[in-house]
Amino acid sequence: MGRRVPARRFRRLVVLLLIVVLLGCWAGEPRWPVRVGCDRGVPGGACARLQAIVRADPDHFVWTDEPVKAGVRLTTEVTRGGIPVGTWTYAVVAPFRTVEDDVSSADLLATWRGVPSGPFRERPLLATADTVAALGTLWGPPVAEAVTTVDRTALLPRAEEAGAWAIVPFDELEMGWKVLRVDGLSLLEKGLPDRYPLRISLRLAGERRDVLPSATEAQDALSNRQEGRMTILAMTGVTALTRTTAQVMETQGLLYPARDILQWLASADLTHISNEVAFTSECPVPPIQDTMRFCSHSRYIELLEAIGTDIVELTGNHLLDYGPGPLYQTLIMYRQRGWSWYGGGMDLAEATRPLKIERGPNRLAFLGCNRVGPAYDWATETSPGSAPCDLARLSADIRALRAEGYLPIVTLQHTETYQYLPTPEQVAEFRALARAGAAVVIGSQAHQPQAMELYEGAFIHYGPGNLFFDQMQSIGTRQEFIDRLVFYDGRLVSVDLRTAILE
C-alpha cells in the first residue's frame, strides 16, 4: 500500500499544480518566481491559505498584495476560463441560548440593504469587516449601519451583550454560537444543496484566461467547509426496550418507537445508543409490566439496526438483571453487527478501556462509567458488567487522550433525579471532567432532560432524557434531546439540539 499524503499537504499540492497549469497556458515560458495574489473581497481565510501555499515554494512563487501585479490571482469573479478551487461558506449564528432555529435569506438580504426585516427588526446584525467585504462581492456593499462590523474576537461577547445575530465563516464556528438554518437549510447536515445562499465561489485566474483549462476535480482545494472533514455524532439518552415500550413494539411493529426520529439518528456519521438492558431470546413475550427486572427480546435489536447504531454505551444499571449470560450474548450480537461499545464489557479491563474512533481529521475517544451501581452490575476482573466510576482514573485517561490528539467524550450513569436542574454533585463532577480536558460530558442516567452548559470549552449536558423507554407518567419523562455534535477539522464546532416527546 502506498504512503498516505496528509490532507493539508494534498490540498497544497493541488493548488500549486493548478497554478502551474495556468502558467503553462501562457505564450512562451513563464519567468520564475511568479507573483500570486488575491483580489479585493476574497475572504481573508482563503487568501491566508493560498499565501501559505505560495510561501512554501519560494523558488517558483512569490506573494504580492497588489492583485494588478499578480500573474495568478484568487478571485470571486466569474471569469471565462477561471479554474474553480473552492467555496467559502458562511453561517448565520446567534448566541447559544437562542430559541429561534431558522432565518430567511429574504430577511437577511433586506436587512443588508437597509430595510431591517423579520428577526432583524429587533436585533442587530454583526460581522467582521472581512466578512462584509466578501459578502459584498455577492450582494453588493451593505447600506451604511445595516451591519455592525466587529473584530472577530469580540463578535460573540458583543452578540451576547446586545442580543445580536452574526454572520461568520463556517470554519470559524465555536461552541458559543447556535447555527441557524437559512431557508430551512442547515450547515450542520451533510448533502448541503447548492441553493444555500451564503456561499462564495473562488477561482484562480490569470493572463490568457480564454485558454485556461477547467479543473473541476480540484474544487475543494480552497474551501472552508468540506464534508469529508466533518463528523456528525448523534448522542442519545436512555434506551430500555422493555415493559410498555416492548409491548408497543409487539403490537405496532418493531420500528414504531423510531418512526418520527429515525432520520435524525440514521443520517449521523456516528450514532450512540445508551442501551441499559441485555438482549435474550428467553425474554418473556408479552413483556412483563410490573417489574424493575429488565430484559429485551433478541428480536428488538432490529430497532437499533434501523436507526444506524454504531456505538453502544454500557454504563446502564440493568445490564445484569438476568445474569451474565444475556450480556455475553448481547455483546456477541453487537460484534456481529460491527458495533463498538464502551463503559462496560466482558470484564473490567474492557469496560474501562477508551473506545477510539477516527473519522477523517476528527479523532474521538469515548469513556463512560456507572457512578451509582448497584454493585452487582459492575464489571470485575473476571465477569462482565458496567465500568465502576473512578473519577481520578477517568481524569487521568482524559488527559492522556488529549495528549494523543483525541477529543474525549465522557458519559456518566449518575444519580437519577426527576428534575431539570442537576444536583450540586453532578455539577462538581462533570465540571471536573471538563477541566481535565473532556470535550463533551453527558449524564446517561437522566429519565428527563436536564440543563446544559458550556464550561471551560466543553459541552456539558447533564441529561438528554429518555430515548426509548416507557415512562409516560409526566411531561418531564416524555421530553427528550438528541444531541447532534458536529466536529470539523479536529474541533467540536457546534451542537445541533433536536427535541422530541414520547407518545
Protein backbone atom coordinates (compact mmCIF):
# COMPACT_ATOMS: atom_id res chain seq x y z
CA MET A 1 0.00 0.00 0.00
CA GLY A 2 1.32 3.46 -0.90
CA ARG A 3 2.23 6.07 1.65
CA ARG A 4 -0.69 8.32 2.68
CA VAL A 5 -0.38 12.04 1.95
CA PRO A 6 -1.77 14.29 4.72
CA ALA A 7 -4.90 16.15 3.62
CA ARG A 8 -3.46 19.63 4.10
CA ARG A 9 -0.34 18.74 2.12
CA PHE A 10 -2.51 17.23 -0.61
CA ARG A 11 -4.54 20.45 -0.89
CA ARG A 12 -1.31 22.46 -1.13
CA LEU A 13 -0.03 20.25 -3.94
CA VAL A 14 -3.33 20.56 -5.81
CA VAL A 15 -3.27 24.36 -5.69
CA LEU A 16 0.36 24.53 -6.81
CA LEU A 17 -0.44 22.19 -9.66
CA LEU A 18 -3.31 24.40 -10.77
CA ILE A 19 -1.10 27.49 -10.71
CA VAL A 20 1.43 25.68 -12.87
CA VAL A 21 -1.39 24.68 -15.23
CA LEU A 22 -2.35 28.33 -15.56
CA LEU A 23 1.20 29.34 -16.29
CA GLY A 24 1.55 26.58 -18.85
CA CYS A 25 -1.23 28.19 -20.85
CA TRP A 26 0.71 31.39 -21.39
CA ALA A 27 2.55 32.06 -24.61
CA GLY A 28 6.23 31.34 -24.06
CA GLU A 29 7.93 30.14 -20.90
CA PRO A 30 6.87 31.71 -17.57
CA ARG A 31 9.54 33.57 -15.66
CA TRP A 32 10.10 32.38 -12.12
CA PRO A 33 9.15 33.24 -9.50
CA VAL A 34 5.60 34.13 -10.49
CA ARG A 35 3.59 36.63 -8.48
CA VAL A 36 0.39 35.26 -6.89
CA GLY A 37 -2.20 37.35 -5.07
CA CYS A 38 -5.82 37.86 -4.07
CA ASP A 39 -8.43 40.19 -5.49
CA ARG A 40 -10.19 42.62 -3.21
CA GLY A 41 -13.15 40.98 -1.45
CA VAL A 42 -11.73 37.46 -1.45
CA PRO A 43 -12.21 36.04 2.08
CA GLY A 44 -9.17 36.61 4.23
CA GLY A 45 -9.09 32.97 5.32
CA ALA A 46 -8.87 31.80 1.71
CA CYS A 47 -6.10 34.30 0.97
CA ALA A 48 -4.19 33.16 4.04
CA ARG A 49 -4.34 29.54 2.86
CA LEU A 50 -3.15 30.47 -0.63
CA GLN A 51 -0.40 32.66 0.80
CA ALA A 52 0.89 29.78 2.93
CA ILE A 53 0.92 27.52 -0.13
CA VAL A 54 2.83 30.08 -2.18
CA ARG A 55 5.41 30.75 0.52
CA ALA A 56 6.09 27.03 0.82
CA ASP A 57 7.61 27.13 -2.72
CA PRO A 58 9.67 30.35 -2.91
CA ASP A 59 11.68 29.17 -5.93
CA HIS A 60 8.61 29.35 -8.15
CA PHE A 61 6.13 31.70 -6.49
CA VAL A 62 6.12 34.95 -4.60
CA TRP A 63 3.20 36.64 -2.87
CA THR A 64 2.02 40.11 -3.80
CA ASP A 65 -0.54 42.25 -2.02
CA GLU A 66 -1.19 44.13 -5.27
CA PRO A 67 -3.51 41.95 -7.38
CA VAL A 68 -2.93 44.05 -10.51
CA LYS A 69 0.68 42.84 -10.46
CA ALA A 70 -0.22 39.18 -9.96
CA GLY A 71 0.30 36.68 -12.74
CA VAL A 72 -2.14 34.36 -10.98
CA ARG A 73 -4.81 35.64 -8.62
CA LEU A 74 -7.58 34.23 -6.47
CA THR A 75 -10.87 35.90 -7.32
CA THR A 76 -14.60 35.76 -6.70
CA GLU A 77 -15.28 36.93 -10.24
CA VAL A 78 -16.89 34.57 -12.71
CA THR A 79 -14.10 34.83 -15.26
CA ARG A 80 -14.03 32.96 -18.52
CA GLY A 81 -11.72 30.00 -18.13
CA GLY A 82 -11.16 30.62 -14.43
CA ILE A 83 -10.37 27.43 -12.51
CA PRO A 84 -12.74 26.67 -9.58
CA VAL A 85 -10.67 25.92 -6.47
CA GLY A 86 -13.13 26.30 -3.63
CA THR A 87 -16.20 27.68 -1.98
CA TRP A 88 -16.24 29.88 1.11
CA THR A 89 -19.33 29.19 3.20
CA TYR A 90 -20.84 31.43 5.85
CA ALA A 91 -23.17 30.65 8.75
CA VAL A 92 -25.82 32.83 10.33
CA VAL A 93 -25.35 32.42 14.07
CA ALA A 94 -26.90 33.51 17.34
CA PRO A 95 -25.78 33.18 20.97
CA PHE A 96 -26.07 29.58 22.16
CA ARG A 97 -29.16 30.13 24.33
CA THR A 98 -31.22 31.43 21.39
CA VAL A 99 -34.59 29.70 20.88
CA GLU A 100 -35.14 30.52 17.19
CA ASP A 101 -33.89 27.92 14.71
CA ASP A 102 -34.31 29.49 11.27
CA VAL A 103 -33.90 32.71 9.30
CA SER A 104 -34.88 33.51 5.72
CA SER A 105 -32.39 34.78 3.17
CA ALA A 106 -35.00 37.36 2.13
CA ASP A 107 -34.97 38.91 5.62
CA LEU A 108 -31.20 38.77 5.69
CA LEU A 109 -30.80 40.44 2.30
CA ALA A 110 -33.42 43.09 3.06
CA THR A 111 -31.58 43.95 6.27
CA TRP A 112 -28.27 44.07 4.38
CA ARG A 113 -29.85 46.59 2.02
CA GLY A 114 -31.04 48.83 4.83
CA VAL A 115 -34.60 47.57 5.47
CA PRO A 116 -34.47 45.52 8.69
CA SER A 117 -36.84 42.61 8.25
CA GLY A 118 -38.09 39.63 10.24
CA PRO A 119 -35.97 38.95 13.33
CA PHE A 120 -33.55 41.76 12.42
CA ARG A 121 -36.18 44.37 13.26
CA GLU A 122 -35.38 43.63 16.89
CA ARG A 123 -31.70 42.71 16.87
CA PRO A 124 -28.50 43.99 15.25
CA LEU A 125 -26.61 42.04 12.59
CA LEU A 126 -22.87 41.69 13.22
CA ALA A 127 -19.93 40.63 11.05
CA THR A 128 -16.23 41.27 10.70
CA ALA A 129 -15.02 43.75 8.10
CA ASP A 130 -13.56 40.84 6.13
CA THR A 131 -16.94 39.04 6.02
CA VAL A 132 -18.71 42.25 4.97
CA ALA A 133 -16.22 42.76 2.13
CA ALA A 134 -16.52 39.15 0.97
CA LEU A 135 -20.32 39.06 1.00
CA GLY A 136 -20.24 42.43 -0.73
CA THR A 137 -18.95 40.61 -3.82
CA LEU A 138 -22.14 38.52 -3.68
CA TRP A 139 -24.80 41.04 -2.60
CA GLY A 140 -23.14 44.40 -3.14
CA PRO A 141 -21.94 46.52 -0.21
CA PRO A 142 -24.39 46.85 2.70
CA VAL A 143 -26.22 50.08 3.37
CA ALA A 144 -24.48 52.20 5.99
CA GLU A 145 -25.21 50.95 9.54
CA ALA A 146 -27.13 47.93 8.25
CA VAL A 147 -24.34 45.68 9.51
CA THR A 148 -22.21 46.43 12.55
CA THR A 149 -18.59 45.50 11.96
CA VAL A 150 -16.82 43.93 14.93
CA ASP A 151 -13.40 42.34 15.41
CA ARG A 152 -13.53 38.55 15.28
CA THR A 153 -12.57 38.08 18.95
CA ALA A 154 -15.31 40.49 20.04
CA LEU A 155 -18.14 39.03 17.93
CA LEU A 156 -19.51 36.52 20.44
CA PRO A 157 -19.26 38.76 23.54
CA ARG A 158 -20.87 41.63 21.61
CA ALA A 159 -23.69 39.37 20.35
CA GLU A 160 -24.39 38.05 23.85
CA GLU A 161 -24.39 41.57 25.28
CA ALA A 162 -26.60 43.10 22.58
CA GLY A 163 -28.82 40.13 21.76
CA ALA A 164 -27.43 40.30 18.22
CA TRP A 165 -27.02 37.72 15.48
CA ALA A 166 -23.97 37.46 13.25
CA ILE A 167 -22.54 36.06 10.02
CA VAL A 168 -19.31 34.07 10.38
CA PRO A 169 -17.24 31.80 8.12
CA PHE A 170 -18.07 28.13 8.70
CA ASP A 171 -14.52 27.25 9.76
CA GLU A 172 -14.64 29.93 12.46
CA LEU A 173 -17.62 28.43 14.27
CA GLU A 174 -17.24 27.92 18.01
CA MET A 175 -19.42 26.36 20.68
CA GLY A 176 -20.74 29.68 21.97
CA TRP A 177 -22.78 30.06 18.77
CA LYS A 178 -26.01 28.43 17.70
CA VAL A 179 -26.02 27.84 13.95
CA LEU A 180 -29.33 28.90 12.40
CA ARG A 181 -30.90 27.30 9.36
CA VAL A 182 -31.18 29.59 6.34
CA ASP A 183 -34.29 28.98 4.22
CA GLY A 184 -34.58 25.68 6.06
CA LEU A 185 -31.06 24.55 5.09
CA SER A 186 -28.58 23.59 7.80
CA LEU A 187 -24.80 23.75 7.56
CA LEU A 188 -24.72 21.11 10.29
CA GLU A 189 -26.10 18.45 7.97
CA LYS A 190 -24.36 16.75 5.08
CA GLY A 191 -25.55 16.93 1.49
CA LEU A 192 -25.95 20.72 1.56
CA PRO A 193 -27.88 21.80 -1.58
CA ASP A 194 -26.24 24.22 -3.99
CA ARG A 195 -29.04 26.70 -3.34
CA TYR A 196 -27.66 27.53 0.13
CA PRO A 197 -27.35 31.31 -0.27
CA LEU A 198 -24.27 32.23 1.81
CA ARG A 199 -21.56 30.67 -0.35
CA ILE A 200 -18.89 32.40 -2.42
CA SER A 201 -17.19 30.57 -5.29
CA LEU A 202 -13.44 31.02 -5.59
CA ARG A 203 -11.39 30.73 -8.79
CA LEU A 204 -7.82 31.00 -9.90
CA ALA A 205 -7.44 33.37 -12.83
CA GLY A 206 -4.54 34.75 -14.82
CA GLU A 207 -3.43 36.03 -18.19
CA ARG A 208 -4.74 34.30 -21.30
CA ARG A 209 -7.91 33.28 -19.45
CA ASP A 210 -9.51 32.35 -22.72
CA VAL A 211 -7.37 29.22 -22.95
CA LEU A 212 -7.25 28.18 -19.31
CA PRO A 213 -8.42 24.58 -18.86
CA SER A 214 -11.11 23.64 -16.37
CA ALA A 215 -10.11 21.73 -13.25
CA THR A 216 -13.40 20.94 -11.54
CA GLU A 217 -11.84 17.94 -9.82
CA ALA A 218 -10.00 20.38 -7.54
CA GLN A 219 -12.97 22.47 -6.45
CA ASP A 220 -12.38 21.86 -2.73
CA ALA A 221 -8.73 22.88 -2.65
CA LEU A 222 -9.56 26.24 -1.04
CA SER A 223 -12.91 25.52 0.67
CA ASN A 224 -13.70 26.20 4.32
CA ARG A 225 -16.49 23.60 4.54
CA GLN A 226 -15.58 20.16 3.24
CA GLU A 227 -18.00 17.46 4.30
CA GLY A 228 -15.23 14.87 4.29
CA ARG A 229 -13.66 16.82 7.16
CA MET A 230 -16.91 16.95 9.14
CA THR A 231 -18.17 14.27 11.52
CA ILE A 232 -21.70 14.27 12.93
CA LEU A 233 -22.17 12.30 16.15
CA ALA A 234 -25.69 11.72 17.49
CA MET A 235 -25.67 11.29 21.29
CA THR A 236 -28.85 9.95 22.89
CA GLY A 237 -30.38 9.28 26.29
CA VAL A 238 -31.82 6.21 27.95
CA THR A 239 -32.77 3.16 25.87
CA ALA A 240 -34.54 0.25 27.56
CA LEU A 241 -36.60 -1.90 25.19
CA THR A 242 -38.71 -3.46 27.89
CA ARG A 243 -42.10 -3.22 29.65
CA THR A 244 -44.55 -0.93 27.82
CA THR A 245 -42.00 0.03 25.16
CA ALA A 246 -41.63 -3.66 24.30
CA GLN A 247 -45.40 -4.13 24.35
CA VAL A 248 -45.87 -1.29 21.86
CA MET A 249 -43.18 -2.81 19.63
CA GLU A 250 -45.06 -6.11 19.69
CA THR A 251 -48.37 -4.51 18.74
CA GLN A 252 -47.32 -1.61 16.48
CA GLY A 253 -44.16 -3.00 14.92
CA LEU A 254 -40.53 -3.22 16.00
CA LEU A 255 -39.57 0.11 14.41
CA TYR A 256 -42.53 2.07 15.77
CA PRO A 257 -40.62 3.88 18.57
CA ALA A 258 -38.28 5.47 15.98
CA ARG A 259 -40.98 6.37 13.47
CA ASP A 260 -40.63 10.16 13.77
CA ILE A 261 -36.94 10.49 14.63
CA LEU A 262 -35.30 7.72 12.61
CA GLN A 263 -33.59 10.05 10.11
CA TRP A 264 -32.15 12.24 12.86
CA LEU A 265 -30.24 9.18 14.04
CA ALA A 266 -29.61 7.25 10.83
CA SER A 267 -28.23 10.31 8.99
CA ALA A 268 -25.44 10.87 11.53
CA ASP A 269 -21.95 9.59 10.77
CA LEU A 270 -21.87 8.00 14.21
CA THR A 271 -24.93 7.13 16.28
CA HIS A 272 -24.60 6.48 20.01
CA ILE A 273 -27.13 4.44 21.97
CA SER A 274 -27.08 4.03 25.74
CA ASN A 275 -28.76 0.63 25.93
CA GLU A 276 -29.28 -0.31 29.57
CA VAL A 277 -30.83 -3.74 29.02
CA ALA A 278 -29.37 -7.02 27.72
CA PHE A 279 -30.97 -8.97 24.88
CA THR A 280 -32.08 -12.56 25.25
CA SER A 281 -34.30 -14.88 23.22
CA GLU A 282 -35.80 -16.04 26.51
CA CYS A 283 -37.21 -12.63 27.45
CA PRO A 284 -40.95 -13.10 28.10
CA VAL A 285 -43.42 -12.17 25.36
CA PRO A 286 -45.75 -10.42 26.03
CA PRO A 287 -43.41 -8.37 28.22
CA ILE A 288 -43.84 -8.34 31.98
CA GLN A 289 -45.13 -4.91 33.04
CA ASP A 290 -44.90 -4.58 36.83
CA THR A 291 -41.20 -5.20 37.29
CA MET A 292 -37.86 -3.48 37.68
CA ARG A 293 -36.03 -6.56 36.39
CA PHE A 294 -35.47 -5.82 32.73
CA CYS A 295 -34.65 -7.76 29.57
CA SER A 296 -35.18 -7.19 25.84
CA HIS A 297 -36.14 -9.90 23.39
CA SER A 298 -33.40 -10.56 20.85
CA ARG A 299 -35.74 -9.57 18.01
CA TYR A 300 -35.84 -5.99 19.31
CA ILE A 301 -32.28 -5.35 18.15
CA GLU A 302 -33.87 -4.67 14.76
CA LEU A 303 -34.83 -1.22 16.09
CA LEU A 304 -31.20 -0.40 16.89
CA GLU A 305 -30.17 -1.63 13.46
CA ALA A 306 -32.72 0.59 11.75
CA ILE A 307 -31.53 3.79 13.41
CA GLY A 308 -27.94 3.17 12.32
CA THR A 309 -26.37 2.34 15.67
CA ASP A 310 -22.57 2.49 15.65
CA ILE A 311 -21.62 2.90 19.32
CA VAL A 312 -23.30 1.33 22.35
CA GLU A 313 -22.76 2.71 25.82
CA LEU A 314 -22.81 0.07 28.57
CA THR A 315 -22.93 2.15 31.75
CA GLY A 316 -26.56 1.20 32.48
CA ASN A 317 -27.52 -0.40 35.78
CA HIS A 318 -29.84 -3.11 34.40
CA LEU A 319 -27.32 -4.98 32.26
CA LEU A 320 -27.13 -7.98 34.59
CA ASP A 321 -30.76 -8.20 35.69
CA TYR A 322 -30.92 -11.69 34.14
CA GLY A 323 -27.33 -12.64 34.94
CA PRO A 324 -24.14 -12.62 32.84
CA GLY A 325 -25.39 -14.96 30.12
CA PRO A 326 -27.66 -12.49 28.30
CA LEU A 327 -24.98 -9.78 28.49
CA TYR A 328 -22.37 -12.10 26.94
CA GLN A 329 -24.86 -12.92 24.19
CA THR A 330 -25.67 -9.21 23.71
CA LEU A 331 -22.01 -8.34 23.18
CA ILE A 332 -21.72 -11.12 20.62
CA MET A 333 -24.74 -9.65 18.80
CA TYR A 334 -23.11 -6.20 18.81
CA ARG A 335 -19.85 -7.60 17.46
CA GLN A 336 -21.66 -9.47 14.69
CA ARG A 337 -23.13 -6.15 13.54
CA GLY A 338 -19.82 -4.31 13.63
CA TRP A 339 -20.86 -2.10 16.56
CA SER A 340 -18.40 -0.82 19.13
CA TRP A 341 -19.05 -0.34 22.84
CA TYR A 342 -17.54 1.36 25.87
CA GLY A 343 -18.34 1.98 29.55
CA GLY A 344 -18.87 -1.76 30.09
CA GLY A 345 -17.82 -5.06 28.62
CA MET A 346 -16.70 -8.64 29.09
CA ASP A 347 -14.54 -7.74 32.10
CA LEU A 348 -13.18 -4.75 33.99
CA ALA A 349 -10.27 -4.21 31.60
CA GLU A 350 -12.60 -3.97 28.60
CA ALA A 351 -15.16 -1.91 30.50
CA THR A 352 -12.65 0.79 31.41
CA ARG A 353 -10.81 0.87 28.07
CA PRO A 354 -11.43 4.03 25.99
CA LEU A 355 -13.11 3.50 22.63
CA LYS A 356 -11.10 5.35 19.97
CA ILE A 357 -12.67 6.24 16.63
CA GLU A 358 -11.23 8.29 13.79
CA ARG A 359 -13.26 9.88 11.01
CA GLY A 360 -11.11 11.98 8.70
CA PRO A 361 -9.27 14.58 10.79
CA ASN A 362 -11.58 14.02 13.78
CA ARG A 363 -10.21 11.72 16.47
CA LEU A 364 -12.79 10.86 19.11
CA ALA A 365 -12.42 8.83 22.28
CA PHE A 366 -15.37 7.58 24.35
CA LEU A 367 -15.22 6.84 28.07
CA GLY A 368 -18.01 6.05 30.50
CA CYS A 369 -18.76 4.64 33.90
CA ASN A 370 -21.57 3.76 36.32
CA ARG A 371 -21.39 6.08 39.31
CA VAL A 372 -24.20 4.62 41.42
CA GLY A 373 -24.23 0.84 40.98
CA PRO A 374 -25.76 -1.45 42.14
CA ALA A 375 -22.51 -3.24 42.88
CA TYR A 376 -23.63 -6.46 41.16
CA ASP A 377 -23.89 -4.51 37.88
CA TRP A 378 -20.21 -3.56 37.90
CA ALA A 379 -17.66 -5.50 35.88
CA THR A 380 -14.84 -7.29 37.68
CA GLU A 381 -11.55 -8.77 36.52
CA THR A 382 -13.37 -11.98 35.65
CA SER A 383 -17.00 -11.03 34.99
CA PRO A 384 -18.94 -8.68 32.68
CA GLY A 385 -20.79 -5.53 33.55
CA SER A 386 -20.57 -1.76 33.58
CA ALA A 387 -17.44 0.16 34.47
CA PRO A 388 -17.43 1.42 38.08
CA CYS A 389 -16.50 5.09 38.32
CA ASP A 390 -13.06 6.06 39.48
CA LEU A 391 -13.03 9.78 38.75
CA ALA A 392 -9.29 10.17 39.38
CA ARG A 393 -8.51 7.43 36.86
CA LEU A 394 -11.08 8.86 34.45
CA SER A 395 -9.46 12.30 34.63
CA ALA A 396 -6.03 10.77 34.02
CA ASP A 397 -7.38 8.90 30.99
CA ILE A 398 -8.87 12.12 29.65
CA ARG A 399 -5.55 13.95 29.96
CA ALA A 400 -3.69 11.08 28.29
CA LEU A 401 -6.17 11.00 25.39
CA ARG A 402 -5.85 14.76 24.92
CA ALA A 403 -2.09 14.33 24.74
CA GLU A 404 -2.60 11.74 21.98
CA GLY A 405 -4.72 14.20 19.99
CA TYR A 406 -8.16 12.75 20.80
CA LEU A 407 -11.29 14.64 21.82
CA PRO A 408 -12.62 12.80 24.91
CA ILE A 409 -16.39 12.25 25.09
CA VAL A 410 -17.40 11.17 28.59
CA THR A 411 -20.76 9.77 29.74
CA LEU A 412 -21.70 9.04 33.33
CA GLN A 413 -24.53 6.98 34.77
CA HIS A 414 -25.06 9.31 37.72
CA THR A 415 -27.76 9.65 40.37
CA GLU A 416 -31.29 9.65 38.94
CA THR A 417 -33.33 12.71 39.87
CA TYR A 418 -36.61 13.72 38.27
CA GLN A 419 -35.80 17.41 37.90
CA TYR A 420 -34.44 19.71 35.21
CA LEU A 421 -31.61 21.12 37.29
CA PRO A 422 -28.57 18.94 38.02
CA THR A 423 -27.54 18.18 41.57
CA PRO A 424 -24.55 20.01 43.06
CA GLU A 425 -22.65 16.72 43.00
CA GLN A 426 -23.33 16.34 39.26
CA VAL A 427 -22.16 19.88 38.56
CA ALA A 428 -18.95 19.43 40.56
CA GLU A 429 -18.03 16.10 38.97
CA PHE A 430 -18.99 16.93 35.40
CA ARG A 431 -17.10 20.22 35.54
CA ALA A 432 -14.04 18.47 36.97
CA LEU A 433 -14.01 16.18 33.94
CA ALA A 434 -14.31 19.20 31.66
CA ARG A 435 -11.33 20.81 33.40
CA ALA A 436 -9.38 17.59 32.87
CA GLY A 437 -9.89 18.07 29.12
CA ALA A 438 -13.16 16.37 28.16
CA ALA A 439 -14.69 17.92 25.06
CA VAL A 440 -18.14 16.59 25.95
CA VAL A 441 -19.64 15.36 29.24
CA ILE A 442 -23.14 13.85 29.25
CA GLY A 443 -25.26 12.32 32.00
CA SER A 444 -26.69 8.99 30.86
CA GLN A 445 -28.86 8.46 33.93
CA ALA A 446 -31.48 11.13 33.26
CA HIS A 447 -35.03 9.94 32.62
CA GLN A 448 -35.99 13.54 31.98
CA PRO A 449 -33.88 16.23 30.32
CA GLN A 450 -31.56 18.25 32.47
CA ALA A 451 -29.72 21.52 31.99
CA MET A 452 -26.74 22.01 29.72
CA GLU A 453 -23.86 24.47 29.75
CA LEU A 454 -20.64 25.45 28.04
CA TYR A 455 -17.84 25.20 30.57
CA GLU A 456 -14.07 25.55 30.12
CA GLY A 457 -14.50 24.94 26.41
CA ALA A 458 -16.55 21.75 26.93
CA PHE A 459 -20.19 21.00 26.18
CA ILE A 460 -21.89 19.59 29.28
CA HIS A 461 -25.39 18.11 29.09
CA TYR A 462 -26.43 16.83 32.49
CA GLY A 463 -29.02 14.57 30.91
CA PRO A 464 -30.73 14.23 27.49
CA GLY A 465 -33.72 12.30 28.89
CA ASN A 466 -35.30 9.06 27.68
CA LEU A 467 -34.85 7.97 24.07
CA PHE A 468 -36.72 4.63 24.04
CA PHE A 469 -38.31 3.97 27.43
CA ASP A 470 -41.85 3.77 28.73
CA GLN A 471 -42.02 6.44 31.43
CA MET A 472 -45.17 8.29 30.37
CA GLN A 473 -46.23 9.50 33.82
CA SER A 474 -45.08 13.12 33.43
CA ILE A 475 -44.23 15.67 30.77
CA GLY A 476 -40.64 15.67 32.04
CA THR A 477 -40.06 11.96 31.42
CA ARG A 478 -41.64 12.24 27.97
CA GLN A 479 -39.36 15.06 26.82
CA GLU A 480 -36.03 14.24 25.22
CA PHE A 481 -32.98 15.64 23.47
CA ILE A 482 -30.84 14.15 20.74
CA ASP A 483 -27.52 16.00 20.75
CA ARG A 484 -26.02 16.00 17.24
CA LEU A 485 -22.43 17.04 17.87
CA VAL A 486 -20.57 18.43 14.86
CA PHE A 487 -16.80 18.07 14.62
CA TYR A 488 -14.75 19.79 11.93
CA ASP A 489 -11.01 19.64 11.35
CA GLY A 490 -10.37 18.15 14.77
CA ARG A 491 -12.58 20.58 16.72
CA LEU A 492 -16.04 20.41 18.25
CA VAL A 493 -17.59 23.36 16.44
CA SER A 494 -21.31 23.08 17.15
CA VAL A 495 -24.16 21.07 18.60
CA ASP A 496 -27.46 20.68 16.80
CA LEU A 497 -30.04 20.11 19.54
CA ARG A 498 -33.05 18.09 18.40
CA THR A 499 -36.06 17.87 20.71
CA ALA A 500 -38.84 15.30 20.77
CA ILE A 501 -41.57 13.97 23.03
CA LEU A 502 -42.57 10.38 23.72
CA GLU A 503 -46.09 9.48 22.59
